[in-house]
């Protein structure tokens, strides 16, 4: 992984470099799944948070939960979720846009005044393609995508996961290295200068090559 590879992970489609990590402990809650899948999602969250060296908590003092994951079959179901419109401004327009695009996932964030991540909403429409993905793989990939504010194109062509010779899905070593580097206590919670990628590269070292 080169400095340019890292820069690309946080350079958005409009050319802006922006990397942000969570500024508060993560409190996940999952909607629309059975208990077994709930445990898988929360286990994946715990694993990625531990990798980052970040923290989880039982409750968020302002929101109760700040990482909300929704599983559903049709986007219109979101319009029936009580009080979701208060948490997600422009919910009707968002749903209409995602229906028109045929999307099967969407992620949106709220930010602290500092620009650090305050909350994340993950929406997963379980279409035929998404339903074929094992729950463990889906949960790990979604938690990896949610632990940082990545570029909108970071994983468009390649998943954050790799498959071991035994057939198990794991985070790609270079992605795990980037996550750990961003959460280094000496690194800023938010960065919008591409030179930040060079600082990450210096911290990742050969382990991610």
Protein backbone atom coordinates (compact mmCIF):
# COMPACT_ATOMS: atom_id res chain seq x y z
CA UNK A 1 0.00 0.00 0.00
CA UNK A 2 1.44 3.33 -1.12
CA UNK A 3 0.70 6.83 0.23
CA UNK A 4 -1.38 7.38 -2.91
CA UNK A 5 -3.43 4.25 -2.17
CA UNK A 6 -4.18 5.61 1.29
CA UNK A 7 -5.00 9.06 -0.06
CA UNK A 8 -7.46 7.50 -2.51
CA UNK A 9 -9.34 5.84 0.38
CA UNK A 10 -10.27 9.27 1.74
CA UNK A 11 -10.52 11.38 -1.42
CA UNK A 12 -14.14 11.89 -2.31
CA UNK A 13 -15.65 12.09 -5.77
CA UNK A 14 -15.51 15.90 -5.64
CA UNK A 15 -11.73 15.74 -5.04
CA UNK A 16 -11.91 16.66 -1.34
CA UNK A 17 -9.68 14.75 1.08
CA UNK A 18 -11.57 14.03 4.31
CA UNK A 19 -10.85 11.45 6.98
CA UNK A 20 -12.75 11.33 10.28
CA UNK A 21 -12.91 8.84 13.14
CA UNK A 22 -15.37 8.45 15.99
CA UNK A 23 -15.03 11.00 18.75
CA UNK A 24 -17.14 9.18 21.34
CA UNK A 25 -17.68 5.56 22.43
CA UNK A 26 -19.75 3.54 19.97
CA UNK A 27 -23.14 2.22 21.06
CA UNK A 28 -24.67 -0.05 18.40
CA UNK A 29 -28.30 -1.03 17.95
CA UNK A 30 -29.65 -3.29 15.21
CA UNK A 31 -33.18 -3.36 13.77
CA UNK A 32 -34.94 -5.96 11.63
CA UNK A 33 -33.00 -9.13 12.47
CA UNK A 34 -33.34 -12.16 14.71
CA UNK A 35 -31.31 -12.54 17.90
CA UNK A 36 -28.71 -14.76 16.24
CA UNK A 37 -27.92 -12.14 13.58
CA UNK A 38 -28.01 -9.41 16.21
CA UNK A 39 -25.22 -11.17 18.08
CA UNK A 40 -23.19 -11.51 14.87
CA UNK A 41 -23.46 -7.79 14.09
CA UNK A 42 -22.56 -6.71 17.60
CA UNK A 43 -19.67 -9.19 17.64
CA UNK A 44 -18.33 -7.70 14.41
CA UNK A 45 -18.65 -4.23 15.89
CA UNK A 46 -16.71 -5.28 18.98
CA UNK A 47 -13.96 -6.81 16.84
CA UNK A 48 -13.49 -3.73 14.64
CA UNK A 49 -13.63 -1.34 17.60
CA UNK A 50 -10.99 -3.44 19.39
CA UNK A 51 -8.83 -3.39 16.25
CA UNK A 52 -9.06 0.41 16.18
CA UNK A 53 -8.25 0.68 19.87
CA UNK A 54 -11.45 2.68 20.32
CA UNK A 55 -14.23 2.22 22.90
CA UNK A 56 -17.80 0.99 23.16
CA UNK A 57 -20.39 1.88 25.79
CA UNK A 58 -23.77 0.71 27.03
CA UNK A 59 -25.51 3.96 26.13
CA UNK A 60 -24.89 7.33 24.50
CA UNK A 61 -25.92 10.21 26.79
CA UNK A 62 -27.58 12.14 23.97
CA UNK A 63 -28.93 9.53 21.57
CA UNK A 64 -29.08 6.29 23.53
CA UNK A 65 -27.47 4.47 20.59
CA UNK A 66 -25.25 6.15 18.00
CA UNK A 67 -24.56 3.35 15.50
CA UNK A 68 -27.93 2.28 14.12
CA UNK A 69 -28.10 -0.59 11.64
CA UNK A 70 -31.36 -1.24 9.79
CA UNK A 71 -32.12 -4.44 7.85
CA UNK A 72 -35.20 -4.46 5.60
CA UNK A 73 -36.61 -5.67 2.28
CA UNK A 74 -37.83 -2.43 0.72
CA UNK A 75 -36.72 1.17 1.18
CA UNK A 76 -40.30 2.28 1.77
CA UNK A 77 -40.28 0.35 5.07
CA UNK A 78 -38.08 3.09 6.53
CA UNK A 79 -40.94 5.56 6.18
CA UNK A 80 -42.92 3.47 8.68
CA UNK A 81 -40.22 3.44 11.39
CA UNK A 82 -41.45 5.61 14.30
CA UNK A 83 -39.44 8.80 14.85
CA UNK A 84 -36.85 7.93 12.18
CA UNK A 85 -37.72 11.09 10.30
CA UNK A 86 -36.59 13.11 13.30
CA UNK A 87 -33.20 11.40 13.26
CA UNK A 88 -32.75 11.42 9.49
CA UNK A 89 -33.62 14.82 7.97
CA UNK A 90 -35.08 14.54 4.49
CA UNK A 91 -36.00 10.89 4.94
CA UNK A 92 -38.70 10.93 2.25
CA UNK A 93 -36.34 12.41 -0.33
CA UNK A 94 -33.56 10.00 0.66
CA UNK A 95 -35.83 6.98 0.23
CA UNK A 96 -37.10 8.18 -3.14
CA UNK A 97 -33.54 8.73 -4.36
CA UNK A 98 -32.36 5.28 -3.22
CA UNK A 99 -35.39 3.54 -4.73
CA UNK A 100 -34.71 5.26 -8.06
CA UNK A 101 -31.05 4.22 -7.91
CA UNK A 102 -31.88 0.59 -7.07
CA UNK A 103 -29.47 0.82 -4.13
CA UNK A 104 -29.12 -1.99 -1.61
CA UNK A 105 -27.18 -0.04 1.02
CA UNK A 106 -26.66 3.47 2.26
CA UNK A 107 -24.75 5.05 5.11
CA UNK A 108 -25.07 8.50 6.62
CA UNK A 109 -23.25 10.23 9.45
CA UNK A 110 -23.70 12.93 12.03
CA UNK A 111 -20.68 14.85 13.24
CA UNK A 112 -19.43 16.58 16.35
CA UNK A 113 -18.61 20.30 16.18
CA UNK A 114 -14.99 19.18 15.74
CA UNK A 115 -15.93 17.14 12.66
CA UNK A 116 -15.41 13.77 14.38
CA UNK A 117 -18.09 11.12 13.86
CA UNK A 118 -20.93 11.45 16.34
CA UNK A 119 -23.39 8.92 14.89
CA UNK A 120 -23.76 6.59 11.93
CA UNK A 121 -26.92 5.19 10.32
CA UNK A 122 -26.48 2.06 8.18
CA UNK A 123 -29.35 1.02 5.91
CA UNK A 124 -29.23 -2.43 4.27
CA UNK A 125 -31.88 -3.53 1.80
CA UNK A 126 -31.70 -7.32 1.73
CA UNK A 127 -32.16 -7.91 -1.99
CA UNK A 128 -31.11 -11.15 -3.70
CA UNK A 129 -27.47 -10.08 -3.94
CA UNK A 130 -27.21 -8.97 -0.32
CA UNK A 131 -29.07 -12.05 0.96
CA UNK A 132 -26.42 -14.35 -0.54
CA UNK A 133 -23.69 -12.86 1.67
CA UNK A 134 -23.09 -14.79 4.93
CA UNK A 135 -24.20 -12.80 7.97
CA UNK A 136 -20.68 -12.82 9.45
CA UNK A 137 -19.13 -11.40 6.26
CA UNK A 138 -21.85 -8.78 5.83
CA UNK A 139 -21.54 -7.64 9.44
CA UNK A 140 -17.74 -7.40 9.34
CA UNK A 141 -17.75 -5.44 6.08
CA UNK A 142 -20.38 -3.01 7.35
CA UNK A 143 -18.57 -2.38 10.62
CA UNK A 144 -15.31 -1.77 8.76
CA UNK A 145 -17.10 0.76 6.56
CA UNK A 146 -18.64 2.46 9.60
CA UNK A 147 -15.57 2.81 11.83
CA UNK A 148 -14.21 5.65 9.66
CA UNK A 149 -15.47 8.23 7.22
CA UNK A 150 -14.04 6.69 4.05
CA UNK A 151 -14.30 8.13 0.57
CA UNK A 152 -17.63 7.52 -1.15
CA UNK A 153 -15.71 5.41 -3.68
CA UNK A 154 -13.27 3.63 -1.33
CA UNK A 155 -14.90 0.20 -1.64
CA UNK A 156 -16.79 0.63 -4.87
CA UNK A 157 -14.63 -1.85 -6.78
CA UNK A 158 -13.12 -3.92 -3.98
CA UNK A 159 -14.48 -5.14 -0.67
CA UNK A 160 -12.69 -4.31 2.59
CA UNK A 161 -12.64 -8.06 3.20
CA UNK A 162 -10.36 -10.85 2.01
CA UNK A 163 -10.85 -14.63 2.17
CA UNK A 164 -8.31 -16.84 3.94
CA UNK A 165 -7.19 -20.18 2.46
CA UNK A 166 -9.60 -21.80 4.94
CA UNK A 167 -12.48 -19.85 3.41
CA UNK A 168 -12.96 -17.38 6.26
CA UNK A 169 -13.61 -13.70 5.61
CA UNK A 170 -11.25 -11.27 7.35
CA UNK A 171 -10.38 -7.62 6.96
CA UNK A 172 -7.78 -7.03 4.29
CA UNK A 173 -4.50 -6.45 6.15
CA UNK A 174 -3.94 -3.06 4.53
CA UNK A 175 -7.43 -1.88 5.55
CA UNK A 176 -6.88 -3.10 9.11
CA UNK A 177 -3.58 -1.22 9.11
CA UNK A 178 -5.24 2.00 7.97
CA UNK A 179 -7.92 1.73 10.66
CA UNK A 180 -5.32 1.24 13.39
CA UNK A 181 -3.25 4.14 12.06
CA UNK A 182 -6.18 6.58 11.92
CA UNK A 183 -7.00 5.79 15.56
CA UNK A 184 -3.42 6.31 16.69
CA UNK A 185 -3.72 8.76 19.64
CA UNK A 186 -1.14 11.01 18.00
CA UNK A 187 -3.30 11.40 14.88
CA UNK A 188 -6.10 14.01 14.60
CA UNK A 189 -9.75 12.98 14.81
CA UNK A 190 -10.38 14.82 11.54
CA UNK A 191 -8.08 15.60 8.62
CA UNK A 192 -8.75 17.34 5.31
CA UNK A 193 -5.20 17.71 3.99
CA UNK A 194 -3.80 14.93 1.77
CA UNK A 195 -0.53 15.07 3.73
CA UNK A 196 -2.47 13.15 6.37
CA UNK A 197 -2.13 10.08 4.12
CA UNK A 198 1.66 10.32 4.40
CA UNK A 199 1.41 10.31 8.19
CA UNK A 200 -0.81 7.23 8.04
CA UNK A 201 1.60 5.51 5.69
CA UNK A 202 4.46 6.11 8.14
CA UNK A 203 2.44 4.41 10.88
CA UNK A 204 1.29 1.40 8.87
CA UNK A 205 4.73 0.19 7.89
CA UNK A 206 5.47 -3.11 6.14
CA UNK A 207 2.75 -5.06 7.99
CA UNK A 208 0.16 -3.95 5.44
CA UNK A 209 2.26 -4.56 2.36
